[in-house]
């Protein structure tokens, strides 16, 4: 199983997920989308699979700092443009093995995800 974790290295949730994956001996590659943008087709796939409401992190400072016009009338297309321009707004982590993906990190959902692979 080849698992990739997408996120930002200095994120506390990413650090927690990495530590947990190491203790559980789950092999993974880390993709830092602050250093290299997420491929656009992959981002579109996440938006289509999960919806913008799940993929776009509205709780972060980047989203809160947007103009009011950017925060209203969001759909998958508008979210895509916002996420390409502001990758730190992509929810983290996102796990993928190329066929299945999981957004966010909670122990129970992560364990079920890994078992399903």
Protein backbone atom coordinates (compact mmCIF):
# COMPACT_ATOMS: atom_id res chain seq x y z
CA UNK A 1 0.00 0.00 0.00
CA UNK A 2 1.37 3.39 -0.99
CA UNK A 3 -0.13 6.14 1.14
CA UNK A 4 0.48 9.87 0.73
CA UNK A 5 -0.32 12.48 3.35
CA UNK A 6 -0.93 15.95 1.92
CA UNK A 7 -0.48 18.96 4.16
CA UNK A 8 1.81 21.62 5.54
CA UNK A 9 4.81 20.60 7.62
CA UNK A 10 4.34 23.11 10.44
CA UNK A 11 0.66 22.26 11.04
CA UNK A 12 -0.06 20.79 14.49
CA UNK A 13 -2.56 18.29 13.10
CA UNK A 14 0.01 17.12 10.56
CA UNK A 15 2.57 16.65 13.35
CA UNK A 16 0.04 14.64 15.37
CA UNK A 17 -0.87 12.50 12.35
CA UNK A 18 2.78 11.84 11.47
CA UNK A 19 3.56 10.80 15.03
CA UNK A 20 0.56 8.48 15.14
CA UNK A 21 1.38 6.93 11.78
CA UNK A 22 4.94 6.30 12.94
CA UNK A 23 3.79 4.62 16.17
CA UNK A 24 1.32 2.49 14.18
CA UNK A 25 4.04 1.69 11.62
CA UNK A 26 1.97 3.00 8.72
CA UNK A 27 4.31 3.80 5.84
CA UNK A 28 3.58 7.05 4.03
CA UNK A 29 5.04 9.77 1.88
CA UNK A 30 4.52 13.38 2.86
CA UNK A 31 3.55 15.97 0.25
CA UNK A 32 4.00 19.55 1.49
CA UNK A 33 1.71 21.65 -0.66
CA UNK A 34 3.28 24.86 0.58
CA UNK A 35 6.47 23.79 -1.23
CA UNK A 36 4.83 22.30 -4.30
CA UNK A 37 1.22 22.95 -5.36
CA UNK A 38 -1.23 20.07 -5.32
CA UNK A 39 -1.78 18.89 -8.90
CA UNK A 40 -4.92 20.63 -10.14
CA UNK A 41 -6.59 17.39 -11.26
CA UNK A 42 -6.09 15.92 -7.79
CA UNK A 43 -7.57 19.03 -6.15
CA UNK A 44 -10.56 18.89 -8.53
CA UNK A 45 -11.00 15.23 -7.64
CA UNK A 46 -11.11 16.00 -3.90
CA UNK A 47 -13.63 18.77 -4.48
CA UNK A 48 -15.82 16.47 -6.58
CA UNK A 49 -15.55 13.59 -4.10
CA UNK A 50 -15.96 15.50 -0.82
CA UNK A 51 -17.40 18.91 -1.77
CA UNK A 52 -15.84 22.29 -1.16
CA UNK A 53 -17.32 22.47 2.36
CA UNK A 54 -15.03 19.61 3.45
CA UNK A 55 -11.89 20.47 1.48
CA UNK A 56 -11.77 24.23 2.13
CA UNK A 57 -10.67 25.12 5.67
CA UNK A 58 -12.81 28.08 6.70
CA UNK A 59 -11.45 28.14 10.26
CA UNK A 60 -7.93 29.28 9.37
CA UNK A 61 -6.51 32.77 9.30
CA UNK A 62 -6.09 32.74 5.52
CA UNK A 63 -9.83 32.28 4.91
CA UNK A 64 -10.76 34.79 7.58
CA UNK A 65 -8.47 37.34 5.91
CA UNK A 66 -10.19 37.09 2.52
CA UNK A 67 -12.38 39.85 1.16
CA UNK A 68 -16.06 39.44 1.91
CA UNK A 69 -16.77 38.85 -1.80
CA UNK A 70 -14.36 35.88 -1.82
CA UNK A 71 -16.12 34.32 1.18
CA UNK A 72 -19.62 34.42 -0.32
CA UNK A 73 -21.38 32.33 -2.95
CA UNK A 74 -18.74 29.61 -2.82
CA UNK A 75 -19.19 26.55 -5.01
CA UNK A 76 -16.69 23.91 -6.14
CA UNK A 77 -15.44 26.12 -8.99
CA UNK A 78 -14.89 29.18 -6.82
CA UNK A 79 -13.36 27.01 -4.07
CA UNK A 80 -10.96 25.53 -6.62
CA UNK A 81 -9.75 29.00 -7.62
CA UNK A 82 -9.39 30.05 -3.96
CA UNK A 83 -7.45 26.88 -3.08
CA UNK A 84 -5.10 27.19 -6.04
CA UNK A 85 -4.35 30.79 -5.02
CA UNK A 86 -4.21 29.99 -1.28
CA UNK A 87 -3.09 26.38 -0.74
CA UNK A 88 -2.92 26.85 3.02
CA UNK A 89 -6.75 26.82 2.96
CA UNK A 90 -6.79 23.17 1.90
CA UNK A 91 -8.01 21.09 4.83
CA UNK A 92 -5.25 19.03 6.35
CA UNK A 93 -4.26 16.40 6.30
CA UNK A 94 -5.64 14.65 3.25
CA UNK A 95 -4.61 11.02 2.86
CA UNK A 96 -4.71 9.20 -0.47
CA UNK A 97 -3.52 5.95 -1.96
CA UNK A 98 -4.52 7.02 -5.47
CA UNK A 99 -7.90 5.27 -5.29
CA UNK A 100 -9.32 6.24 -1.90
CA UNK A 101 -8.92 9.44 0.07
CA UNK A 102 -9.64 10.70 3.58
CA UNK A 103 -9.90 14.33 4.64
CA UNK A 104 -8.88 15.29 8.18
CA UNK A 105 -7.39 13.28 11.00
CA UNK A 106 -9.20 11.47 13.78
CA UNK A 107 -7.85 8.22 15.16
CA UNK A 108 -10.98 6.14 14.54
CA UNK A 109 -11.66 7.34 11.00
CA UNK A 110 -7.98 7.04 10.09
CA UNK A 111 -7.77 3.47 11.43
CA UNK A 112 -10.90 2.49 9.49
CA UNK A 113 -9.49 4.13 6.36
CA UNK A 114 -6.17 2.25 6.61
CA UNK A 115 -7.97 -1.05 7.19
CA UNK A 116 -10.09 -0.46 4.09
CA UNK A 117 -7.06 -0.08 1.82
